[in-house]
Amino acid sequence: MVDLMIDAFRQQLEAWLPSLSDRLVPVGKNLLKRNAAQLQTWASLAAAGQLTKDEVAWLVRSRMDLTRLTALESAGLAQVEIDQFRNMLTKATIGVLIGRLTGQDG
């Protein structure tokens, strides 16, 4: 599941900011791997009907807060770019989790 999220994130990042993708993909990968157990738990709870898609999305958004991404500032990103990075990583994660719930993942 984490590999699917990383691939989705990598594709979005390469389209958005290819010049920084080599530096930012490892950061996103690390964040997803650190949160893999929690993401899997949420996916399982949602699959069992204990969480809605909206609740899963809210949980993922709350997990991907800026405090976990402050290291990106040292990569030379402006605040708006950090926000875009966080949003991109969050959307890729939610997309894969929701895809799993609806049977649309690969």
PDB file of N, CA and C in Angstrom:
ATOM      1  N   MET A   1       0.820  -1.183   0.000  1.00  0.00           N
ATOM      2  CA  MET A   1       0.000   0.000   0.000  1.00  0.00           C
ATOM      3  C   MET A   1       0.874   1.262   0.000  1.00  0.00           C
ATOM      4  N   VAL A   2       1.915   1.274   0.809  1.00  0.00           N
ATOM      5  CA  VAL A   2       2.795   2.437   0.867  1.00  0.00           C
ATOM      6  C   VAL A   2       3.468   2.657  -0.484  1.00  0.00           C
ATOM      7  N   ASP A   3       3.840   1.585  -1.151  1.00  0.00           N
ATOM      8  CA  ASP A   3       4.466   1.729  -2.467  1.00  0.00           C
ATOM      9  C   ASP A   3       3.524   2.386  -3.463  1.00  0.00           C
ATOM     10  N   LEU A   4       2.232   2.060  -3.402  1.00  0.00           N
ATOM     11  CA  LEU A   4       1.251   2.706  -4.275  1.00  0.00           C
ATOM     12  C   LEU A   4       1.156   4.199  -3.980  1.00  0.00           C
ATOM     13  N   MET A   5       1.173   4.542  -2.696  1.00  0.00           N
ATOM     14  CA  MET A   5       1.129   5.949  -2.301  1.00  0.00           C
ATOM     15  C   MET A   5       2.366   6.690  -2.780  1.00  0.00           C
ATOM     16  N   ILE A   6       3.523   6.054  -2.627  1.00  0.00           N
ATOM     17  CA  ILE A   6       4.773   6.676  -3.059  1.00  0.00           C
ATOM     18  C   ILE A   6       4.756   6.893  -4.571  1.00  0.00           C
ATOM     19  N   ASP A   7       4.295   5.893  -5.318  1.00  0.00           N
ATOM     20  CA  ASP A   7       4.215   6.033  -6.777  1.00  0.00           C
ATOM     21  C   ASP A   7       3.271   7.160  -7.181  1.00  0.00           C
ATOM     22  N   ALA A   8       2.112   7.230  -6.540  1.00  0.00           N
ATOM     23  CA  ALA A   8       1.149   8.294  -6.852  1.00  0.00           C
ATOM     24  C   ALA A   8       1.747   9.661  -6.525  1.00  0.00           C
ATOM     25  N   PHE A   9       2.414   9.753  -5.394  1.00  0.00           N
ATOM     26  CA  PHE A   9       3.050  10.998  -4.991  1.00  0.00           C
ATOM     27  C   PHE A   9       4.162  11.376  -5.965  1.00  0.00           C
ATOM     28  N   ARG A  10       4.991  10.409  -6.326  1.00  0.00           N
ATOM     29  CA  ARG A  10       6.106  10.659  -7.241  1.00  0.00           C
ATOM     30  C   ARG A  10       5.590  11.195  -8.583  1.00  0.00           C
ATOM     31  N   GLN A  11       4.528  10.618  -9.104  1.00  0.00           N
ATOM     32  CA  GLN A  11       3.954  11.074 -10.375  1.00  0.00           C
ATOM     33  C   GLN A  11       3.459  12.515 -10.274  1.00  0.00           C
ATOM     34  N   GLN A  12       2.768  12.838  -9.182  1.00  0.00           N
ATOM     35  CA  GLN A  12       2.278  14.198  -9.001  1.00  0.00           C
ATOM     36  C   GLN A  12       3.436  15.183  -8.865  1.00  0.00           C
ATOM     37  N   LEU A  13       4.452  14.801  -8.109  1.00  0.00           N
ATOM     38  CA  LEU A  13       5.587  15.685  -7.878  1.00  0.00           C
ATOM     39  C   LEU A  13       6.385  15.914  -9.158  1.00  0.00           C
ATOM     40  N   GLU A  14       6.594  14.870  -9.937  1.00  0.00           N
ATOM     41  CA  GLU A  14       7.343  15.024 -11.182  1.00  0.00           C
ATOM     42  C   GLU A  14       6.615  15.928 -12.167  1.00  0.00           C
ATOM     43  N   ALA A  15       5.287  15.908 -12.124  1.00  0.00           N
ATOM     44  CA  ALA A  15       4.522  16.813 -12.990  1.00  0.00           C
ATOM     45  C   ALA A  15       4.539  18.241 -12.441  1.00  0.00           C
ATOM     46  N   TRP A  16       4.542  18.390 -11.114  1.00  0.00           N
ATOM     47  CA  TRP A  16       4.469  19.706 -10.475  1.00  0.00           C
ATOM     48  C   TRP A  16       5.816  20.407 -10.443  1.00  0.00           C
ATOM     49  N   LEU A  17       6.845  19.705  -9.992  1.00  0.00           N
ATOM     50  CA  LEU A  17       8.139  20.338  -9.780  1.00  0.00           C
ATOM     51  C   LEU A  17       9.262  19.324 -10.031  1.00  0.00           C
ATOM     52  N   PRO A  18       9.470  18.981 -11.295  1.00  0.00           N
ATOM     53  CA  PRO A  18      10.455  17.937 -11.605  1.00  0.00           C
ATOM     54  C   PRO A  18      11.867  18.261 -11.142  1.00  0.00           C
ATOM     55  N   SER A  19      12.209  19.533 -11.073  1.00  0.00           N
ATOM     56  CA  SER A  19      13.573  19.901 -10.675  1.00  0.00           C
ATOM     57  C   SER A  19      13.885  19.560  -9.220  1.00  0.00           C
ATOM     58  N   LEU A  20      12.866  19.428  -8.389  1.00  0.00           N
ATOM     59  CA  LEU A  20      13.082  19.081  -6.983  1.00  0.00           C
ATOM     60  C   LEU A  20      12.646  17.669  -6.625  1.00  0.00           C
ATOM     61  N   SER A  21      12.120  16.935  -7.599  1.00  0.00           N
ATOM     62  CA  SER A  21      11.555  15.625  -7.268  1.00  0.00           C
ATOM     63  C   SER A  21      12.606  14.677  -6.694  1.00  0.00           C
ATOM     64  N   ASP A  22      13.849  14.750  -7.161  1.00  0.00           N
ATOM     65  CA  ASP A  22      14.884  13.868  -6.620  1.00  0.00           C
ATOM     66  C   ASP A  22      15.112  14.088  -5.129  1.00  0.00           C
ATOM     67  N   ARG A  23      14.947  15.328  -4.678  1.00  0.00           N
ATOM     68  CA  ARG A  23      15.132  15.635  -3.253  1.00  0.00           C
ATOM     69  C   ARG A  23      13.870  15.405  -2.437  1.00  0.00           C
ATOM     70  N   LEU A  24      12.694  15.638  -3.049  1.00  0.00           N
ATOM     71  CA  LEU A  24      11.457  15.585  -2.277  1.00  0.00           C
ATOM     72  C   LEU A  24      10.809  14.200  -2.213  1.00  0.00           C
ATOM     73  N   VAL A  25      11.028  13.371  -3.224  1.00  0.00           N
ATOM     74  CA  VAL A  25      10.449  12.024  -3.181  1.00  0.00           C
ATOM     75  C   VAL A  25      10.954  11.257  -1.956  1.00  0.00           C
ATOM     76  N   PRO A  26      12.258  11.290  -1.645  1.00  0.00           N
ATOM     77  CA  PRO A  26      12.696  10.584  -0.432  1.00  0.00           C
ATOM     78  C   PRO A  26      12.059  11.125   0.853  1.00  0.00           C
ATOM     79  N   VAL A  27      11.817  12.443   0.908  1.00  0.00           N
ATOM     80  CA  VAL A  27      11.169  13.029   2.090  1.00  0.00           C
ATOM     81  C   VAL A  27       9.746  12.485   2.217  1.00  0.00           C
ATOM     82  N   GLY A  28       9.000  12.503   1.114  1.00  0.00           N
ATOM     83  CA  GLY A  28       7.637  11.972   1.132  1.00  0.00           C
ATOM     84  C   GLY A  28       7.608  10.483   1.439  1.00  0.00           C
ATOM     85  N   LYS A  29       8.541   9.750   0.855  1.00  0.00           N
ATOM     86  CA  LYS A  29       8.631   8.308   1.095  1.00  0.00           C
ATOM     87  C   LYS A  29       8.864   8.029   2.571  1.00  0.00           C
ATOM     88  N   ASN A  30       9.767   8.780   3.173  1.00  0.00           N
ATOM     89  CA  ASN A  30      10.066   8.616   4.593  1.00  0.00           C
ATOM     90  C   ASN A  30       8.827   8.894   5.453  1.00  0.00           C
ATOM     91  N   LEU A  31       8.109   9.974   5.130  1.00  0.00           N
ATOM     92  CA  LEU A  31       6.894  10.300   5.885  1.00  0.00           C
ATOM     93  C   LEU A  31       5.850   9.191   5.771  1.00  0.00           C
ATOM     94  N   LEU A  32       5.667   8.686   4.556  1.00  0.00           N
ATOM     95  CA  LEU A  32       4.678   7.620   4.370  1.00  0.00           C
ATOM     96  C   LEU A  32       5.096   6.346   5.095  1.00  0.00           C
ATOM     97  N   LYS A  33       6.366   6.013   5.030  1.00  0.00           N
ATOM     98  CA  LYS A  33       6.832   4.791   5.710  1.00  0.00           C
ATOM     99  C   LYS A  33       6.704   4.917   7.222  1.00  0.00           C
ATOM    100  N   ARG A  34       7.009   6.108   7.750  1.00  0.00           N
ATOM    101  CA  ARG A  34       6.864   6.309   9.198  1.00  0.00           C
ATOM    102  C   ARG A  34       5.418   6.179   9.652  1.00  0.00           C
ATOM    103  N   ASN A  35       4.488   6.469   8.753  1.00  0.00           N
ATOM    104  CA  ASN A  35       3.077   6.435   9.094  1.00  0.00           C
ATOM    105  C   ASN A  35       2.353   5.213   8.527  1.00  0.00           C
ATOM    106  N   ALA A  36       3.082   4.267   7.967  1.00  0.00           N
ATOM    107  CA  ALA A  36       2.484   3.123   7.283  1.00  0.00           C
ATOM    108  C   ALA A  36       1.550   2.316   8.187  1.00  0.00           C
ATOM    109  N   ALA A  37       1.957   2.059   9.405  1.00  0.00           N
ATOM    110  CA  ALA A  37       1.125   1.260  10.307  1.00  0.00           C
ATOM    111  C   ALA A  37      -0.201   1.962  10.588  1.00  0.00           C
ATOM    112  N   GLN A  38      -0.139   3.258  10.839  1.00  0.00           N
ATOM    113  CA  GLN A  38      -1.360   4.020  11.105  1.00  0.00           C
ATOM    114  C   GLN A  38      -2.262   4.059   9.873  1.00  0.00           C
ATOM    115  N   LEU A  39      -1.662   4.264   8.704  1.00  0.00           N
ATOM    116  CA  LEU A  39      -2.443   4.300   7.470  1.00  0.00           C
ATOM    117  C   LEU A  39      -3.128   2.958   7.217  1.00  0.00           C
ATOM    118  N   GLN A  40      -2.410   1.869   7.474  1.00  0.00           N
ATOM    119  CA  GLN A  40      -2.997   0.536   7.296  1.00  0.00           C
ATOM    120  C   GLN A  40      -4.145   0.315   8.273  1.00  0.00           C
ATOM    121  N   THR A  41      -3.980   0.782   9.503  1.00  0.00           N
ATOM    122  CA  THR A  41      -5.053   0.660  10.496  1.00  0.00           C
ATOM    123  C   THR A  41      -6.297   1.404  10.027  1.00  0.00           C
ATOM    124  N   TRP A  42      -6.114   2.631   9.541  1.00  0.00           N
ATOM    125  CA  TRP A  42      -7.259   3.404   9.053  1.00  0.00           C
ATOM    126  C   TRP A  42      -7.920   2.724   7.861  1.00  0.00           C
ATOM    127  N   ALA A  43      -7.113   2.159   6.979  1.00  0.00           N
ATOM    128  CA  ALA A  43      -7.671   1.457   5.817  1.00  0.00           C
ATOM    129  C   ALA A  43      -8.495   0.250   6.264  1.00  0.00           C
ATOM    130  N   SER A  44      -7.988  -0.470   7.250  1.00  0.00           N
ATOM    131  CA  SER A  44      -8.711  -1.637   7.767  1.00  0.00           C
ATOM    132  C   SER A  44     -10.010  -1.228   8.457  1.00  0.00           C
ATOM    133  N   LEU A  45      -9.956  -0.171   9.259  1.00  0.00           N
ATOM    134  CA  LEU A  45     -11.165   0.315   9.927  1.00  0.00           C
ATOM    135  C   LEU A  45     -12.205   0.788   8.911  1.00  0.00           C
ATOM    136  N   ALA A  46     -11.743   1.454   7.883  1.00  0.00           N
ATOM    137  CA  ALA A  46     -12.663   1.932   6.851  1.00  0.00           C
ATOM    138  C   ALA A  46     -13.264   0.755   6.088  1.00  0.00           C
ATOM    139  N   ALA A  47     -12.448  -0.245   5.783  1.00  0.00           N
ATOM    140  CA  ALA A  47     -12.940  -1.422   5.066  1.00  0.00           C
ATOM    141  C   ALA A  47     -13.984  -2.173   5.893  1.00  0.00           C
ATOM    142  N   ALA A  48     -13.851  -2.095   7.216  1.00  0.00           N
ATOM    143  CA  ALA A  48     -14.810  -2.755   8.111  1.00  0.00           C
ATOM    144  C   ALA A  48     -16.032  -1.885   8.381  1.00  0.00           C
ATOM    145  N   GLY A  49     -16.064  -0.688   7.787  1.00  0.00           N
ATOM    146  CA  GLY A  49     -17.201   0.202   7.975  1.00  0.00           C
ATOM    147  C   GLY A  49     -17.150   1.023   9.246  1.00  0.00           C
ATOM    148  N   GLN A  50     -16.019   1.017   9.924  1.00  0.00           N
ATOM    149  CA  GLN A  50     -15.888   1.761  11.172  1.00  0.00           C
ATOM    150  C   GLN A  50     -15.426   3.201  10.957  1.00  0.00           C
ATOM    151  N   LEU A  51     -14.929   3.509   9.751  1.00  0.00           N
ATOM    152  CA  LEU A  51     -14.565   4.870   9.374  1.00  0.00           C
ATOM    153  C   LEU A  51     -15.148   5.148   7.994  1.00  0.00           C
ATOM    154  N   THR A  52     -15.624   6.367   7.809  1.00  0.00           N
ATOM    155  CA  THR A  52     -16.109   6.762   6.484  1.00  0.00           C
ATOM    156  C   THR A  52     -14.932   7.277   5.652  1.00  0.00           C
ATOM    157  N   LYS A  53     -15.162   7.445   4.357  1.00  0.00           N
ATOM    158  CA  LYS A  53     -14.125   8.008   3.493  1.00  0.00           C
ATOM    159  C   LYS A  53     -13.746   9.405   3.950  1.00  0.00           C
ATOM    160  N   ASP A  54     -14.722  10.193   4.367  1.00  0.00           N
ATOM    161  CA  ASP A  54     -14.438  11.542   4.862  1.00  0.00           C
ATOM    162  C   ASP A  54     -13.588  11.505   6.125  1.00  0.00           C
ATOM    163  N   GLU A  55     -13.861  10.553   6.999  1.00  0.00           N
ATOM    164  CA  GLU A  55     -13.064  10.430   8.222  1.00  0.00           C
ATOM    165  C   GLU A  55     -11.628  10.020   7.896  1.00  0.00           C
ATOM    166  N   VAL A  56     -11.465   9.102   6.940  1.00  0.00           N
ATOM    167  CA  VAL A  56     -10.123   8.704   6.521  1.00  0.00           C
ATOM    168  C   VAL A  56      -9.372   9.915   5.960  1.00  0.00           C
ATOM    169  N   ALA A  57     -10.039  10.679   5.107  1.00  0.00           N
ATOM    170  CA  ALA A  57      -9.415  11.867   4.522  1.00  0.00           C
ATOM    171  C   ALA A  57      -9.005  12.857   5.612  1.00  0.00           C
ATOM    172  N   TRP A  58      -9.873  13.077   6.585  1.00  0.00           N
ATOM    173  CA  TRP A  58      -9.555  13.999   7.682  1.00  0.00           C
ATOM    174  C   TRP A  58      -8.357  13.499   8.480  1.00  0.00           C
ATOM    175  N   LEU A  59      -8.317  12.208   8.774  1.00  0.00           N
ATOM    176  CA  LEU A  59      -7.206  11.643   9.532  1.00  0.00           C
ATOM    177  C   LEU A  59      -5.887  11.798   8.789  1.00  0.00           C
ATOM    178  N   VAL A  60      -5.906  11.533   7.495  1.00  0.00           N
ATOM    179  CA  VAL A  60      -4.677  11.674   6.708  1.00  0.00           C
ATOM    180  C   VAL A  60      -4.223  13.127   6.682  1.00  0.00           C
ATOM    181  N   ARG A  61      -5.163  14.033   6.455  1.00  0.00           N
ATOM    182  CA  ARG A  61      -4.798  15.461   6.430  1.00  0.00           C
ATOM    183  C   ARG A  61      -4.197  15.899   7.762  1.00  0.00           C
ATOM    184  N   SER A  62      -4.763  15.429   8.848  1.00  0.00           N
ATOM    185  CA  SER A  62      -4.247  15.827  10.154  1.00  0.00           C
ATOM    186  C   SER A  62      -2.860  15.242  10.404  1.00  0.00           C
ATOM    187  N   ARG A  63      -2.591  14.086   9.859  1.00  0.00           N
ATOM    188  CA  ARG A  63      -1.285  13.440  10.044  1.00  0.00           C
ATOM    189  C   ARG A  63      -0.187  14.174   9.255  1.00  0.00           C
ATOM    190  N   MET A  64      -0.549  14.717   8.099  1.00  0.00           N
ATOM    191  CA  MET A  64       0.427  15.360   7.225  1.00  0.00           C
ATOM    192  C   MET A  64       0.542  16.853   7.517  1.00  0.00           C
ATOM    193  N   ASP A  65       0.666  17.200   8.771  1.00  0.00           N
ATOM    194  CA  ASP A  65       0.723  18.617   9.136  1.00  0.00           C
ATOM    195  C   ASP A  65       2.105  19.214   8.876  1.00  0.00           C
ATOM    196  N   LEU A  66       2.189  20.516   8.912  1.00  0.00           N
ATOM    197  CA  LEU A  66       3.437  21.208   8.589  1.00  0.00           C
ATOM    198  C   LEU A  66       4.562  20.933   9.572  1.00  0.00           C
ATOM    199  N   THR A  67       4.226  20.573  10.803  1.00  0.00           N
ATOM    200  CA  THR A  67       5.309  20.340  11.758  1.00  0.00           C
ATOM    201  C   THR A  67       6.176  19.173  11.317  1.00  0.00           C
ATOM    202  N   ARG A  68       5.612  18.234  10.569  1.00  0.00           N
ATOM    203  CA  ARG A  68       6.391  17.100  10.084  1.00  0.00           C
ATOM    204  C   ARG A  68       7.161  17.447   8.813  1.00  0.00           C
ATOM    205  N   LEU A  69       6.869  18.589   8.229  1.00  0.00           N
ATOM    206  CA  LEU A  69       7.480  18.936   6.954  1.00  0.00           C
ATOM    207  C   LEU A  69       8.407  20.145   7.038  1.00  0.00           C
ATOM    208  N   THR A  70       8.749  20.582   8.232  1.00  0.00           N
ATOM    209  CA  THR A  70       9.593  21.771   8.352  1.00  0.00           C
ATOM    210  C   THR A  70      10.975  21.563   7.747  1.00  0.00           C
ATOM    211  N   ALA A  71      11.425  20.336   7.650  1.00  0.00           N
ATOM    212  CA  ALA A  71      12.725  20.070   7.041  1.00  0.00           C
ATOM    213  C   ALA A  71      12.748  20.491   5.577  1.00  0.00           C
ATOM    214  N   LEU A  72      11.579  20.596   4.959  1.00  0.00           N
ATOM    215  CA  LEU A  72      11.519  21.011   3.560  1.00  0.00           C
ATOM    216  C   LEU A  72      11.999  22.439   3.368  1.00  0.00           C
ATOM    217  N   GLU A  73      11.873  23.247   4.391  1.00  0.00           N
ATOM    218  CA  GLU A  73      12.360  24.621   4.276  1.00  0.00           C
ATOM    219  C   GLU A  73      13.859  24.633   3.994  1.00  0.00           C
ATOM    220  N   SER A  74      14.567  23.678   4.560  1.00  0.00           N
ATOM    221  CA  SER A  74      16.007  23.617   4.318  1.00  0.00           C
ATOM    222  C   SER A  74      16.337  23.182   2.898  1.00  0.00           C
ATOM    223  N   ALA A  75      15.358  22.610   2.183  1.00  0.00           N
ATOM    224  CA  ALA A  75      15.556  22.244   0.785  1.00  0.00           C
ATOM    225  C   ALA A  75      15.360  23.447  -0.119  1.00  0.00           C
ATOM    226  N   GLY A  76      15.073  24.609   0.479  1.00  0.00           N
ATOM    227  CA  GLY A  76      14.931  25.836  -0.283  1.00  0.00           C
ATOM    228  C   GLY A  76      13.531  26.097  -0.787  1.00  0.00           C
ATOM    229  N   LEU A  77      12.540  25.446  -0.207  1.00  0.00           N
ATOM    230  CA  LEU A  77      11.167  25.647  -0.644  1.00  0.00           C
ATOM    231  C   LEU A  77      10.534  26.828   0.081  1.00  0.00           C
ATOM    232  N   ALA A  78       9.763  27.585  -0.645  1.00  0.00           N
ATOM    233  CA  ALA A  78       8.981  28.661  -0.046  1.00  0.00           C
ATOM    234  C   ALA A  78       7.796  28.038   0.685  1.00  0.00           C
ATOM    235  N   GLN A  79       7.183  28.792   1.573  1.00  0.00           N
ATOM    236  CA  GLN A  79       6.054  28.277   2.348  1.00  0.00           C
ATOM    237  C   GLN A  79       4.927  27.776   1.449  1.00  0.00           C
ATOM    238  N   VAL A  80       4.642  28.487   0.373  1.00  0.00           N
ATOM    239  CA  VAL A  80       3.565  28.053  -0.522  1.00  0.00           C
ATOM    240  C   VAL A  80       3.924  26.720  -1.174  1.00  0.00           C
ATOM    241  N   GLU A  81       5.201  26.503  -1.478  1.00  0.00           N
ATOM    242  CA  GLU A  81       5.629  25.230  -2.060  1.00  0.00           C
ATOM    243  C   GLU A  81       5.532  24.100  -1.035  1.00  0.00           C
ATOM    244  N   ILE A  82       5.837  24.403   0.217  1.00  0.00           N
ATOM    245  CA  ILE A  82       5.696  23.401   1.280  1.00  0.00           C
ATOM    246  C   ILE A  82       4.233  23.006   1.416  1.00  0.00           C
ATOM    247  N   ASP A  83       3.331  23.987   1.371  1.00  0.00           N
ATOM    248  CA  ASP A  83       1.901  23.690   1.436  1.00  0.00           C
ATOM    249  C   ASP A  83       1.475  22.824   0.254  1.00  0.00           C
ATOM    250  N   GLN A  84       1.990  23.136  -0.939  1.00  0.00           N
ATOM    251  CA  GLN A  84       1.658  22.344  -2.125  1.00  0.00           C
ATOM    252  C   GLN A  84       2.200  20.925  -1.992  1.00  0.00           C
ATOM    253  N   PHE A  85       3.413  20.788  -1.457  1.00  0.00           N
ATOM    254  CA  PHE A  85       4.004  19.476  -1.225  1.00  0.00           C
ATOM    255  C   PHE A  85       3.134  18.661  -0.275  1.00  0.00           C
ATOM    256  N   ARG A  86       2.764  19.281   0.827  1.00  0.00           N
ATOM    257  CA  ARG A  86       1.923  18.587   1.812  1.00  0.00           C
ATOM    258  C   ARG A  86       0.598  18.179   1.200  1.00  0.00           C
ATOM    259  N   ASN A  87      -0.022  19.076   0.448  1.00  0.00           N
ATOM    260  CA  ASN A  87      -1.298  18.756  -0.190  1.00  0.00           C
ATOM    261  C   ASN A  87      -1.154  17.619  -1.198  1.00  0.00           C
ATOM    262  N   MET A  88      -0.071  17.625  -1.945  1.00  0.00           N
ATOM    263  CA  MET A  88       0.169  16.588  -2.935  1.00  0.00           C
ATOM    264  C   MET A  88       0.348  15.230  -2.265  1.00  0.00           C
ATOM    265  N   LEU A  89       1.150  15.191  -1.209  1.00  0.00           N
ATOM    266  CA  LEU A  89       1.373  13.949  -0.472  1.00  0.00           C
ATOM    267  C   LEU A  89       0.072  13.460   0.154  1.00  0.00           C
ATOM    268  N   THR A  90      -0.700  14.377   0.703  1.00  0.00           N
ATOM    269  CA  THR A  90      -1.979  14.023   1.324  1.00  0.00           C
ATOM    270  C   THR A  90      -2.946  13.470   0.284  1.00  0.00           C
ATOM    271  N   LYS A  91      -3.062  14.136  -0.867  1.00  0.00           N
ATOM    272  CA  LYS A  91      -3.982  13.672  -1.915  1.00  0.00           C
ATOM    273  C   LYS A  91      -3.588  12.302  -2.436  1.00  0.00           C
ATOM    274  N   ALA A  92      -2.297  12.060  -2.614  1.00  0.00           N
ATOM    275  CA  ALA A  92      -1.848  10.752  -3.089  1.00  0.00           C
ATOM    276  C   ALA A  92      -2.203   9.671  -2.075  1.00  0.00           C
ATOM    277  N   THR A  93      -1.999   9.962  -0.800  1.00  0.00           N
ATOM    278  CA  THR A  93      -2.305   8.999   0.257  1.00  0.00           C
ATOM    279  C   THR A  93      -3.798   8.723   0.334  1.00  0.00           C
ATOM    280  N   ILE A  94      -4.598   9.772   0.340  1.00  0.00           N
ATOM    281  CA  ILE A  94      -6.049   9.604   0.395  1.00  0.00           C
ATOM    282  C   ILE A  94      -6.538   8.853  -0.841  1.00  0.00           C
ATOM    283  N   GLY A  95      -6.007   9.206  -2.003  1.00  0.00           N
ATOM    284  CA  GLY A  95      -6.418   8.538  -3.236  1.00  0.00           C
ATOM    285  C   GLY A  95      -6.203   7.043  -3.183  1.00  0.00           C
ATOM    286  N   VAL A  96      -5.059   6.618  -2.678  1.00  0.00           N
ATOM    287  CA  VAL A  96      -4.783   5.182  -2.584  1.00  0.00           C
ATOM    288  C   VAL A  96      -5.685   4.531  -1.545  1.00  0.00           C
ATOM    289  N   LEU A  97      -5.842   5.157  -0.384  1.00  0.00           N
ATOM    290  CA  LEU A  97      -6.704   4.568   0.646  1.00  0.00           C
ATOM    291  C   LEU A  97      -8.144   4.460   0.175  1.00  0.00           C
ATOM    292  N   ILE A  98      -8.668   5.509  -0.442  1.00  0.00           N
ATOM    293  CA  ILE A  98     -10.044   5.493  -0.928  1.00  0.00           C
ATOM    294  C   ILE A  98     -10.170   4.492  -2.075  1.00  0.00           C
ATOM    295  N   GLY A  99      -9.146   4.417  -2.923  1.00  0.00           N
ATOM    296  CA  GLY A  99      -9.148   3.430  -4.002  1.00  0.00           C
ATOM    297  C   GLY A  99      -9.233   2.017  -3.466  1.00  0.00           C
ATOM    298  N   ARG A 100      -8.542   1.745  -2.373  1.00  0.00           N
ATOM    299  CA  ARG A 100      -8.606   0.417  -1.750  1.00  0.00           C
ATOM    300  C   ARG A 100     -10.021   0.125  -1.242  1.00  0.00           C
ATOM    301  N   LEU A 101     -10.654   1.150  -0.719  1.00  0.00           N
ATOM    302  CA  LEU A 101     -12.010   0.957  -0.175  1.00  0.00           C
ATOM    303  C   LEU A 101     -13.026   0.689  -1.274  1.00  0.00           C
ATOM    304  N   THR A 102     -12.790   1.273  -2.434  1.00  0.00           N
ATOM    305  CA  THR A 102     -13.755   1.112  -3.536  1.00  0.00           C
ATOM    306  C   THR A 102     -13.295   0.070  -4.534  1.00  0.00           C
ATOM    307  N   GLY A 103     -12.170  -0.605  -4.249  1.00  0.00           N
ATOM    308  CA  GLY A 103     -11.695  -1.646  -5.138  1.00  0.00           C
ATOM    309  C   GLY A 103     -11.089  -1.129  -6.422  1.00  0.00           C
ATOM    310  N   GLN A 104     -10.569   0.111  -6.418  1.00  0.00           N
ATOM    311  CA  GLN A 104     -10.018   0.701  -7.637  1.00  0.00           C
ATOM    312  C   GLN A 104      -8.507   0.777  -7.624  1.00  0.00           C
ATOM    313  N   ASP A 105      -7.838   0.151  -6.664  1.00  0.00           N
ATOM    314  CA  ASP A 105      -6.379   0.218  -6.669  1.00  0.00           C
ATOM    315  C   ASP A 105      -5.819  -0.860  -7.563  1.00  0.00           C
ATOM    316  N   GLY A 106      -4.538  -0.689  -7.867  1.00  0.00           N
ATOM    317  CA  GLY A 106      -3.873  -1.607  -8.792  1.00  0.00           C
ATOM    318  C   GLY A 106      -3.285  -2.731  -8.129  1.00  0.00           C
TER     319      GLY A 106
END
